[in-house]
Amino acid sequence: MLGDCASVPKCIDKSCQRATWRKRASVPITEDQVRGIFLRYDTNKDGLLSKEELKNAFANLGSRMPGVRAWLALQHADVNGDGLINEVEFDKLVKYTLKRGYKIN
């Protein structure tokens, strides 16, 4: 009875091969690309990156939790504690982001 095809539900076709998904190659992101992404997300063009702007940038980088990543980036790079990333702190932010290992798909 176990080998009987009648016991297999009609919606399952055992002869059908399953689709195989190709993994796309990932390339590590460069420092210049990270800088460009963060500069593009300075939406008000004041030369400072707010938490919201960082959140949008990390979402663009593919972060699963961009809000948390933005908060962590501020904790790491915001030396003066004003809640914004300025030109002096920008290098720390870029290095922090590169350590996280973001990749371009």
PDB file of N, CA and C in Angstrom:
ATOM      1  N   MET A   1       0.804  -1.191   0.000  1.00  0.00           N
ATOM      2  CA  MET A   1       0.000   0.000   0.000  1.00  0.00           C
ATOM      3  C   MET A   1       0.855   1.268   0.000  1.00  0.00           C
ATOM      4  N   LEU A   2       2.058   1.235   0.600  1.00  0.00           N
ATOM      5  CA  LEU A   2       2.898   2.418   0.659  1.00  0.00           C
ATOM      6  C   LEU A   2       3.373   2.851  -0.727  1.00  0.00           C
ATOM      7  N   GLY A   3       3.656   1.949  -1.612  1.00  0.00           N
ATOM      8  CA  GLY A   3       4.144   2.289  -2.937  1.00  0.00           C
ATOM      9  C   GLY A   3       3.037   2.639  -3.914  1.00  0.00           C
ATOM     10  N   ASP A   4       1.817   2.574  -3.485  1.00  0.00           N
ATOM     11  CA  ASP A   4       0.673   2.831  -4.354  1.00  0.00           C
ATOM     12  C   ASP A   4       0.543   4.331  -4.645  1.00  0.00           C
ATOM     13  N   CYS A   5       0.478   4.709  -5.920  1.00  0.00           N
ATOM     14  CA  CYS A   5       0.362   6.116  -6.327  1.00  0.00           C
ATOM     15  C   CYS A   5      -0.969   6.719  -5.903  1.00  0.00           C
ATOM     16  N   ALA A   6      -1.935   5.899  -5.659  1.00  0.00           N
ATOM     17  CA  ALA A   6      -3.237   6.415  -5.270  1.00  0.00           C
ATOM     18  C   ALA A   6      -3.182   7.071  -3.894  1.00  0.00           C
ATOM     19  N   SER A   7      -2.193   6.685  -3.072  1.00  0.00           N
ATOM     20  CA  SER A   7      -2.094   7.269  -1.735  1.00  0.00           C
ATOM     21  C   SER A   7      -1.438   8.651  -1.739  1.00  0.00           C
ATOM     22  N   VAL A   8      -0.867   9.052  -2.879  1.00  0.00           N
ATOM     23  CA  VAL A   8      -0.226  10.357  -2.983  1.00  0.00           C
ATOM     24  C   VAL A   8      -1.281  11.385  -3.363  1.00  0.00           C
ATOM     25  N   PRO A   9      -1.371  12.495  -2.633  1.00  0.00           N
ATOM     26  CA  PRO A   9      -2.363  13.514  -2.987  1.00  0.00           C
ATOM     27  C   PRO A   9      -2.157  14.002  -4.420  1.00  0.00           C
ATOM     28  N   LYS A  10      -3.248  14.357  -5.072  1.00  0.00           N
ATOM     29  CA  LYS A  10      -3.193  14.775  -6.474  1.00  0.00           C
ATOM     30  C   LYS A  10      -2.367  16.050  -6.681  1.00  0.00           C
ATOM     31  N   CYS A  11      -2.263  16.889  -5.653  1.00  0.00           N
ATOM     32  CA  CYS A  11      -1.552  18.152  -5.833  1.00  0.00           C
ATOM     33  C   CYS A  11      -0.034  17.966  -5.827  1.00  0.00           C
ATOM     34  N   ILE A  12       0.455  16.804  -5.461  1.00  0.00           N
ATOM     35  CA  ILE A  12       1.892  16.558  -5.451  1.00  0.00           C
ATOM     36  C   ILE A  12       2.265  15.741  -6.679  1.00  0.00           C
ATOM     37  N   ASP A  13       3.124  16.289  -7.489  1.00  0.00           N
ATOM     38  CA  ASP A  13       3.592  15.610  -8.688  1.00  0.00           C
ATOM     39  C   ASP A  13       5.025  15.172  -8.443  1.00  0.00           C
ATOM     40  N   LYS A  14       5.212  13.898  -8.165  1.00  0.00           N
ATOM     41  CA  LYS A  14       6.537  13.381  -7.823  1.00  0.00           C
ATOM     42  C   LYS A  14       7.504  13.426  -9.004  1.00  0.00           C
ATOM     43  N   SER A  15       7.008  13.494 -10.232  1.00  0.00           N
ATOM     44  CA  SER A  15       7.904  13.511 -11.378  1.00  0.00           C
ATOM     45  C   SER A  15       8.426  14.920 -11.678  1.00  0.00           C
ATOM     46  N   CYS A  16       7.814  15.932 -11.057  1.00  0.00           N
ATOM     47  CA  CYS A  16       8.213  17.320 -11.310  1.00  0.00           C
ATOM     48  C   CYS A  16       9.475  17.647 -10.510  1.00  0.00           C
ATOM     49  N   GLN A  17      10.476  18.168 -11.216  1.00  0.00           N
ATOM     50  CA  GLN A  17      11.688  18.574 -10.519  1.00  0.00           C
ATOM     51  C   GLN A  17      11.451  19.908  -9.843  1.00  0.00           C
ATOM     52  N   ARG A  18      12.037  20.048  -8.683  1.00  0.00           N
ATOM     53  CA  ARG A  18      11.888  21.310  -7.954  1.00  0.00           C
ATOM     54  C   ARG A  18      12.747  22.385  -8.599  1.00  0.00           C
ATOM     55  N   ALA A  19      12.245  23.585  -8.558  1.00  0.00           N
ATOM     56  CA  ALA A  19      13.012  24.703  -9.103  1.00  0.00           C
ATOM     57  C   ALA A  19      14.232  24.942  -8.227  1.00  0.00           C
ATOM     58  N   THR A  20      15.331  25.167  -8.849  1.00  0.00           N
ATOM     59  CA  THR A  20      16.536  25.486  -8.086  1.00  0.00           C
ATOM     60  C   THR A  20      16.798  26.973  -8.216  1.00  0.00           C
ATOM     61  N   TRP A  21      17.103  27.592  -7.112  1.00  0.00           N
ATOM     62  CA  TRP A  21      17.355  29.027  -7.083  1.00  0.00           C
ATOM     63  C   TRP A  21      18.849  29.254  -7.132  1.00  0.00           C
ATOM     64  N   ARG A  22      19.235  30.105  -8.032  1.00  0.00           N
ATOM     65  CA  ARG A  22      20.648  30.453  -8.138  1.00  0.00           C
ATOM     66  C   ARG A  22      20.975  31.534  -7.121  1.00  0.00           C
ATOM     67  N   LYS A  23      22.078  31.369  -6.465  1.00  0.00           N
ATOM     68  CA  LYS A  23      22.539  32.419  -5.573  1.00  0.00           C
ATOM     69  C   LYS A  23      23.327  33.413  -6.405  1.00  0.00           C
ATOM     70  N   ARG A  24      23.025  34.671  -6.199  1.00  0.00           N
ATOM     71  CA  ARG A  24      23.771  35.690  -6.914  1.00  0.00           C
ATOM     72  C   ARG A  24      25.107  35.910  -6.213  1.00  0.00           C
ATOM     73  N   ALA A  25      26.102  36.169  -6.998  1.00  0.00           N
ATOM     74  CA  ALA A  25      27.418  36.434  -6.436  1.00  0.00           C
ATOM     75  C   ALA A  25      27.391  37.760  -5.688  1.00  0.00           C
ATOM     76  N   SER A  26      28.032  37.797  -4.542  1.00  0.00           N
ATOM     77  CA  SER A  26      28.118  39.013  -3.757  1.00  0.00           C
ATOM     78  C   SER A  26      29.544  39.529  -3.777  1.00  0.00           C
ATOM     79  N   VAL A  27      29.660  40.821  -3.900  1.00  0.00           N
ATOM     80  CA  VAL A  27      30.961  41.467  -3.922  1.00  0.00           C
ATOM     81  C   VAL A  27      31.020  42.415  -2.733  1.00  0.00           C
ATOM     82  N   PRO A  28      32.101  42.374  -1.958  1.00  0.00           N
ATOM     83  CA  PRO A  28      32.193  43.310  -0.829  1.00  0.00           C
ATOM     84  C   PRO A  28      32.129  44.759  -1.317  1.00  0.00           C
ATOM     85  N   ILE A  29      31.455  45.575  -0.552  1.00  0.00           N
ATOM     86  CA  ILE A  29      31.291  46.972  -0.907  1.00  0.00           C
ATOM     87  C   ILE A  29      32.585  47.730  -0.587  1.00  0.00           C
ATOM     88  N   THR A  30      32.920  48.700  -1.415  1.00  0.00           N
ATOM     89  CA  THR A  30      34.160  49.459  -1.211  1.00  0.00           C
ATOM     90  C   THR A  30      33.902  50.689  -0.339  1.00  0.00           C
ATOM     91  N   GLU A  31      34.978  51.262   0.159  1.00  0.00           N
ATOM     92  CA  GLU A  31      34.872  52.456   0.996  1.00  0.00           C
ATOM     93  C   GLU A  31      34.248  53.617   0.227  1.00  0.00           C
ATOM     94  N   ASP A  32      34.620  53.781  -1.021  1.00  0.00           N
ATOM     95  CA  ASP A  32      34.051  54.863  -1.835  1.00  0.00           C
ATOM     96  C   ASP A  32      32.549  54.681  -2.050  1.00  0.00           C
ATOM     97  N   GLN A  33      32.116  53.430  -2.229  1.00  0.00           N
ATOM     98  CA  GLN A  33      30.687  53.165  -2.410  1.00  0.00           C
ATOM     99  C   GLN A  33      29.913  53.489  -1.135  1.00  0.00           C
ATOM    100  N   VAL A  34      30.480  53.120   0.025  1.00  0.00           N
ATOM    101  CA  VAL A  34      29.823  53.418   1.301  1.00  0.00           C
ATOM    102  C   VAL A  34      29.707  54.928   1.484  1.00  0.00           C
ATOM    103  N   ARG A  35      30.793  55.647   1.202  1.00  0.00           N
ATOM    104  CA  ARG A  35      30.763  57.106   1.316  1.00  0.00           C
ATOM    105  C   ARG A  35      29.678  57.700   0.418  1.00  0.00           C
ATOM    106  N   GLY A  36      29.601  57.218  -0.811  1.00  0.00           N
ATOM    107  CA  GLY A  36      28.603  57.716  -1.749  1.00  0.00           C
ATOM    108  C   GLY A  36      27.183  57.471  -1.278  1.00  0.00           C
ATOM    109  N   ILE A  37      26.945  56.297  -0.714  1.00  0.00           N
ATOM    110  CA  ILE A  37      25.600  55.970  -0.216  1.00  0.00           C
ATOM    111  C   ILE A  37      25.221  56.899   0.924  1.00  0.00           C
ATOM    112  N   PHE A  38      26.132  57.088   1.878  1.00  0.00           N
ATOM    113  CA  PHE A  38      25.808  57.960   3.006  1.00  0.00           C
ATOM    114  C   PHE A  38      25.622  59.413   2.568  1.00  0.00           C
ATOM    115  N   LEU A  39      26.442  59.872   1.637  1.00  0.00           N
ATOM    116  CA  LEU A  39      26.294  61.247   1.163  1.00  0.00           C
ATOM    117  C   LEU A  39      24.975  61.435   0.418  1.00  0.00           C
ATOM    118  N   ARG A  40      24.556  60.419  -0.305  1.00  0.00           N
ATOM    119  CA  ARG A  40      23.289  60.502  -1.043  1.00  0.00           C
ATOM    120  C   ARG A  40      22.097  60.598  -0.085  1.00  0.00           C
ATOM    121  N   TYR A  41      22.218  59.991   1.094  1.00  0.00           N
ATOM    122  CA  TYR A  41      21.104  59.999   2.042  1.00  0.00           C
ATOM    123  C   TYR A  41      21.107  61.190   2.989  1.00  0.00           C
ATOM    124  N   ASP A  42      22.011  62.147   2.794  1.00  0.00           N
ATOM    125  CA  ASP A  42      21.957  63.413   3.509  1.00  0.00           C
ATOM    126  C   ASP A  42      20.896  64.258   2.803  1.00  0.00           C
ATOM    127  N   THR A  43      19.635  63.966   3.084  1.00  0.00           N
ATOM    128  CA  THR A  43      18.518  64.517   2.304  1.00  0.00           C
ATOM    129  C   THR A  43      18.378  66.025   2.430  1.00  0.00           C
ATOM    130  N   ASN A  44      18.697  66.592   3.588  1.00  0.00           N
ATOM    131  CA  ASN A  44      18.551  68.047   3.735  1.00  0.00           C
ATOM    132  C   ASN A  44      19.844  68.790   3.389  1.00  0.00           C
ATOM    133  N   LYS A  45      20.867  68.064   2.954  1.00  0.00           N
ATOM    134  CA  LYS A  45      22.138  68.636   2.471  1.00  0.00           C
ATOM    135  C   LYS A  45      22.782  69.604   3.473  1.00  0.00           C
ATOM    136  N   ASP A  46      22.669  69.272   4.770  1.00  0.00           N
ATOM    137  CA  ASP A  46      23.290  70.120   5.788  1.00  0.00           C
ATOM    138  C   ASP A  46      24.691  69.640   6.180  1.00  0.00           C
ATOM    139  N   GLY A  47      25.158  68.550   5.565  1.00  0.00           N
ATOM    140  CA  GLY A  47      26.481  68.025   5.883  1.00  0.00           C
ATOM    141  C   GLY A  47      26.506  67.165   7.128  1.00  0.00           C
ATOM    142  N   LEU A  48      25.339  66.904   7.698  1.00  0.00           N
ATOM    143  CA  LEU A  48      25.207  66.070   8.897  1.00  0.00           C
ATOM    144  C   LEU A  48      24.250  64.924   8.592  1.00  0.00           C
ATOM    145  N   LEU A  49      24.526  63.761   9.164  1.00  0.00           N
ATOM    146  CA  LEU A  49      23.627  62.621   8.993  1.00  0.00           C
ATOM    147  C   LEU A  49      22.870  62.379  10.293  1.00  0.00           C
ATOM    148  N   SER A  50      21.543  62.462  10.225  1.00  0.00           N
ATOM    149  CA  SER A  50      20.698  62.193  11.383  1.00  0.00           C
ATOM    150  C   SER A  50      20.429  60.692  11.480  1.00  0.00           C
ATOM    151  N   LYS A  51      19.796  60.287  12.565  1.00  0.00           N
ATOM    152  CA  LYS A  51      19.464  58.866  12.731  1.00  0.00           C
ATOM    153  C   LYS A  51      18.530  58.402  11.612  1.00  0.00           C
ATOM    154  N   GLU A  52      17.580  59.238  11.233  1.00  0.00           N
ATOM    155  CA  GLU A  52      16.634  58.868  10.173  1.00  0.00           C
ATOM    156  C   GLU A  52      17.349  58.705   8.834  1.00  0.00           C
ATOM    157  N   GLU A  53      18.277  59.605   8.550  1.00  0.00           N
ATOM    158  CA  GLU A  53      19.051  59.501   7.305  1.00  0.00           C
ATOM    159  C   GLU A  53      19.930  58.254   7.322  1.00  0.00           C
ATOM    160  N   LEU A  54      20.523  57.954   8.478  1.00  0.00           N
ATOM    161  CA  LEU A  54      21.319  56.725   8.604  1.00  0.00           C
ATOM    162  C   LEU A  54      20.449  55.489   8.423  1.00  0.00           C
ATOM    163  N   LYS A  55      19.260  55.526   8.991  1.00  0.00           N
ATOM    164  CA  LYS A  55      18.330  54.396   8.869  1.00  0.00           C
ATOM    165  C   LYS A  55      18.001  54.130   7.398  1.00  0.00           C
ATOM    166  N   ASN A  56      17.741  55.184   6.640  1.00  0.00           N
ATOM    167  CA  ASN A  56      17.443  55.025   5.214  1.00  0.00           C
ATOM    168  C   ASN A  56      18.653  54.489   4.453  1.00  0.00           C
ATOM    169  N   ALA A  57      19.843  54.957   4.814  1.00  0.00           N
ATOM    170  CA  ALA A  57      21.059  54.481   4.152  1.00  0.00           C
ATOM    171  C   ALA A  57      21.302  53.001   4.445  1.00  0.00           C
ATOM    172  N   PHE A  58      21.135  52.595   5.709  1.00  0.00           N
ATOM    173  CA  PHE A  58      21.334  51.183   6.048  1.00  0.00           C
ATOM    174  C   PHE A  58      20.277  50.298   5.397  1.00  0.00           C
ATOM    175  N   ALA A  59      19.070  50.821   5.232  1.00  0.00           N
ATOM    176  CA  ALA A  59      18.038  50.062   4.506  1.00  0.00           C
ATOM    177  C   ALA A  59      18.483  49.850   3.065  1.00  0.00           C
ATOM    178  N   ASN A  60      19.080  50.877   2.458  1.00  0.00           N
ATOM    179  CA  ASN A  60      19.595  50.762   1.097  1.00  0.00           C
ATOM    180  C   ASN A  60      20.736  49.760   1.017  1.00  0.00           C
ATOM    181  N   LEU A  61      21.520  49.651   2.078  1.00  0.00           N
ATOM    182  CA  LEU A  61      22.624  48.695   2.114  1.00  0.00           C
ATOM    183  C   LEU A  61      22.144  47.264   2.347  1.00  0.00           C
ATOM    184  N   GLY A  62      20.852  47.089   2.639  1.00  0.00           N
ATOM    185  CA  GLY A  62      20.295  45.751   2.801  1.00  0.00           C
ATOM    186  C   GLY A  62      20.213  45.274   4.235  1.00  0.00           C
ATOM    187  N   SER A  63      20.331  46.165   5.186  1.00  0.00           N
ATOM    188  CA  SER A  63      20.235  45.779   6.588  1.00  0.00           C
ATOM    189  C   SER A  63      18.831  45.263   6.893  1.00  0.00           C
ATOM    190  N   ARG A  64      18.755  44.183   7.662  1.00  0.00           N
ATOM    191  CA  ARG A  64      17.451  43.638   8.040  1.00  0.00           C
ATOM    192  C   ARG A  64      16.785  44.474   9.126  1.00  0.00           C
ATOM    193  N   MET A  65      17.601  45.188   9.899  1.00  0.00           N
ATOM    194  CA  MET A  65      17.077  46.053  10.964  1.00  0.00           C
ATOM    195  C   MET A  65      17.769  47.413  10.876  1.00  0.00           C
ATOM    196  N   PRO A  66      17.397  48.217   9.897  1.00  0.00           N
ATOM    197  CA  PRO A  66      18.114  49.477   9.679  1.00  0.00           C
ATOM    198  C   PRO A  66      18.028  50.453  10.852  1.00  0.00           C
ATOM    199  N   GLY A  67      16.934  50.448  11.592  1.00  0.00           N
ATOM    200  CA  GLY A  67      16.807  51.340  12.749  1.00  0.00           C
ATOM    201  C   GLY A  67      17.817  51.002  13.833  1.00  0.00           C
ATOM    202  N   VAL A  68      17.966  49.716  14.093  1.00  0.00           N
ATOM    203  CA  VAL A  68      18.939  49.259  15.088  1.00  0.00           C
ATOM    204  C   VAL A  68      20.353  49.541  14.598  1.00  0.00           C
ATOM    205  N   ARG A  69      20.604  49.281  13.337  1.00  0.00           N
ATOM    206  CA  ARG A  69      21.933  49.516  12.766  1.00  0.00           C
ATOM    207  C   ARG A  69      22.281  51.005  12.826  1.00  0.00           C
ATOM    208  N   ALA A  70      21.312  51.890  12.565  1.00  0.00           N
ATOM    209  CA  ALA A  70      21.550  53.331  12.648  1.00  0.00           C
ATOM    210  C   ALA A  70      21.878  53.737  14.081  1.00  0.00           C
ATOM    211  N   TRP A  71      21.149  53.194  15.044  1.00  0.00           N
ATOM    212  CA  TRP A  71      21.413  53.502  16.451  1.00  0.00           C
ATOM    213  C   TRP A  71      22.813  53.042  16.845  1.00  0.00           C
ATOM    214  N   LEU A  72      23.179  51.826  16.435  1.00  0.00           N
ATOM    215  CA  LEU A  72      24.512  51.315  16.748  1.00  0.00           C
ATOM    216  C   LEU A  72      25.605  52.150  16.080  1.00  0.00           C
ATOM    217  N   ALA A  73      25.362  52.582  14.856  1.00  0.00           N
ATOM    218  CA  ALA A  73      26.335  53.420  14.147  1.00  0.00           C
ATOM    219  C   ALA A  73      26.525  54.744  14.879  1.00  0.00           C
ATOM    220  N   LEU A  74      25.431  55.330  15.355  1.00  0.00           N
ATOM    221  CA  LEU A  74      25.547  56.572  16.121  1.00  0.00           C
ATOM    222  C   LEU A  74      26.320  56.346  17.415  1.00  0.00           C
ATOM    223  N   GLN A  75      26.054  55.233  18.090  1.00  0.00           N
ATOM    224  CA  GLN A  75      26.785  54.919  19.322  1.00  0.00           C
ATOM    225  C   GLN A  75      28.278  54.791  19.054  1.00  0.00           C
ATOM    226  N   HIS A  76      28.614  54.241  17.909  1.00  0.00           N
ATOM    227  CA  HIS A  76      30.017  53.998  17.565  1.00  0.00           C
ATOM    228  C   HIS A  76      30.723  55.254  17.054  1.00  0.00           C
ATOM    229  N   ALA A  77      30.077  56.011  16.193  1.00  0.00           N
ATOM    230  CA  ALA A  77      30.767  57.083  15.477  1.00  0.00           C
ATOM    231  C   ALA A  77      30.504  58.496  16.013  1.00  0.00           C
ATOM    232  N   ASP A  78      29.419  58.700  16.734  1.00  0.00           N
ATOM    233  CA  ASP A  78      29.063  60.049  17.199  1.00  0.00           C
ATOM    234  C   ASP A  78      29.890  60.412  18.433  1.00  0.00           C
ATOM    235  N   VAL A  79      31.059  60.973  18.197  1.00  0.00           N
ATOM    236  CA  VAL A  79      32.011  61.260  19.271  1.00  0.00           C
ATOM    237  C   VAL A  79      31.496  62.360  20.203  1.00  0.00           C
ATOM    238  N   ASN A  80      30.920  63.422  19.650  1.00  0.00           N
ATOM    239  CA  ASN A  80      30.486  64.550  20.486  1.00  0.00           C
ATOM    240  C   ASN A  80      29.097  64.365  21.093  1.00  0.00           C
ATOM    241  N   GLY A  81      28.397  63.290  20.737  1.00  0.00           N
ATOM    242  CA  GLY A  81      27.119  62.956  21.360  1.00  0.00           C
ATOM    243  C   GLY A  81      25.952  63.845  20.984  1.00  0.00           C
ATOM    244  N   ASP A  82      26.021  64.537  19.852  1.00  0.00           N
ATOM    245  CA  ASP A  82      24.914  65.416  19.453  1.00  0.00           C
ATOM    246  C   ASP A  82      23.823  64.697  18.653  1.00  0.00           C
ATOM    247  N   GLY A  83      24.000  63.398  18.406  1.00  0.00           N
ATOM    248  CA  GLY A  83      22.995  62.640  17.667  1.00  0.00           C
ATOM    249  C   GLY A  83      23.096  62.770  16.167  1.00  0.00           C
ATOM    250  N   LEU A  84      24.169  63.395  15.690  1.00  0.00           N
ATOM    251  CA  LEU A  84      24.392  63.585  14.260  1.00  0.00           C
ATOM    252  C   LEU A  84      25.817  63.180  13.915  1.00  0.00           C
ATOM    253  N   ILE A  85      26.007  62.745  12.681  1.00  0.00           N
ATOM    254  CA  ILE A  85      27.347  62.411  12.199  1.00  0.00           C
ATOM    255  C   ILE A  85      27.839  63.580  11.363  1.00  0.00           C
ATOM    256  N   ASN A  86      28.933  64.215  11.807  1.00  0.00           N
ATOM    257  CA  ASN A  86      29.497  65.337  11.060  1.00  0.00           C
ATOM    258  C   ASN A  86      30.687  64.860  10.229  1.00  0.00           C
ATOM    259  N   GLU A  87      31.373  65.801   9.573  1.00  0.00           N
ATOM    260  CA  GLU A  87      32.493  65.443   8.689  1.00  0.00           C
ATOM    261  C   GLU A  87      33.612  64.728   9.436  1.00  0.00           C
ATOM    262  N   VAL A  88      33.899  65.154  10.651  1.00  0.00           N
ATOM    263  CA  VAL A  88      34.974  64.544  11.441  1.00  0.00           C
ATOM    264  C   VAL A  88      34.616  63.102  11.807  1.00  0.00           C
ATOM    265  N   GLU A  89      33.364  62.863  12.121  1.00  0.00           N
ATOM    266  CA  GLU A  89      32.906  61.537  12.542  1.00  0.00           C
ATOM    267  C   GLU A  89      32.594  60.618  11.365  1.00  0.00           C
ATOM    268  N   PHE A  90      32.541  61.182  10.180  1.00  0.00           N
ATOM    269  CA  PHE A  90      32.142  60.434   8.983  1.00  0.00           C
ATOM    270  C   PHE A  90      33.075  59.245   8.710  1.00  0.00           C
ATOM    271  N   ASP A  91      34.383  59.431   8.882  1.00  0.00           N
ATOM    272  CA  ASP A  91      35.337  58.344   8.649  1.00  0.00           C
ATOM    273  C   ASP A  91      35.081  57.169   9.590  1.00  0.00           C
ATOM    274  N   LYS A  92      34.762  57.472  10.855  1.00  0.00           N
ATOM    275  CA  LYS A  92      34.444  56.401  11.809  1.00  0.00           C
ATOM    276  C   LYS A  92      33.202  55.632  11.370  1.00  0.00           C
ATOM    277  N   LEU A  93      32.227  56.356  10.860  1.00  0.00           N
ATOM    278  CA  LEU A  93      30.995  55.728  10.380  1.00  0.00           C
ATOM    279  C   LEU A  93      31.281  54.793   9.204  1.00  0.00           C
ATOM    280  N   VAL A  94      32.089  55.254   8.262  1.00  0.00           N
ATOM    281  CA  VAL A  94      32.427  54.440   7.088  1.00  0.00           C
ATOM    282  C   VAL A  94      33.174  53.178   7.518  1.00  0.00           C
ATOM    283  N   LYS A  95      34.147  53.319   8.406  1.00  0.00           N
ATOM    284  CA  LYS A  95      34.917  52.153   8.874  1.00  0.00           C
ATOM    285  C   LYS A  95      34.022  51.176   9.631  1.00  0.00           C
ATOM    286  N   TYR A  96      33.096  51.704  10.451  1.00  0.00           N
ATOM    287  CA  TYR A  96      32.133  50.865  11.164  1.00  0.00           C
ATOM    288  C   TYR A  96      31.293  50.057  10.176  1.00  0.00           C
ATOM    289  N   THR A  97      30.831  50.712   9.126  1.00  0.00           N
ATOM    290  CA  THR A  97      29.990  50.053   8.131  1.00  0.00           C
ATOM    291  C   THR A  97      30.761  48.973   7.383  1.00  0.00           C
ATOM    292  N   LEU A  98      32.000  49.252   7.032  1.00  0.00           N
ATOM    293  CA  LEU A  98      32.815  48.265   6.316  1.00  0.00           C
ATOM    294  C   LEU A  98      33.101  47.035   7.181  1.00  0.00           C
ATOM    295  N   LYS A  99      33.239  47.220   8.492  1.00  0.00           N
ATOM    296  CA  LYS A  99      33.466  46.087   9.400  1.00  0.00           C
ATOM    297  C   LYS A  99      32.263  45.143   9.426  1.00  0.00           C
ATOM    298  N   ARG A 100      31.079  45.672   9.165  1.00  0.00           N
ATOM    299  CA  ARG A 100      29.866  44.854   9.216  1.00  0.00           C
ATOM    300  C   ARG A 100      29.775  43.915   8.019  1.00  0.00           C
ATOM    301  N   GLY A 101      30.598  44.130   6.991  1.00  0.00           N
ATOM    302  CA  GLY A 101      30.661  43.212   5.870  1.00  0.00           C
ATOM    303  C   GLY A 101      29.519  43.289   4.878  1.00  0.00           C
ATOM    304  N   TYR A 102      28.993  44.486   4.635  1.00  0.00           N
ATOM    305  CA  TYR A 102      27.942  44.621   3.637  1.00  0.00           C
ATOM    306  C   TYR A 102      28.478  44.271   2.267  1.00  0.00           C
ATOM    307  N   LYS A 103      27.614  43.699   1.432  1.00  0.00           N
ATOM    308  CA  LYS A 103      28.003  43.276   0.087  1.00  0.00           C
ATOM    309  C   LYS A 103      26.986  43.764  -0.919  1.00  0.00           C
ATOM    310  N   ILE A 104      27.454  43.916  -2.151  1.00  0.00           N
ATOM    311  CA  ILE A 104      26.580  44.300  -3.251  1.00  0.00           C
ATOM    312  C   ILE A 104      26.176  43.029  -3.981  1.00  0.00           C
ATOM    313  N   ASN A 105      24.878  42.831  -4.153  1.00  0.00           N
ATOM    314  CA  ASN A 105      24.389  41.643  -4.872  1.00  0.00           C
ATOM    315  C   ASN A 105      24.272  41.922  -6.338  1.00  0.00           C
TER     316      ASN A 105
END
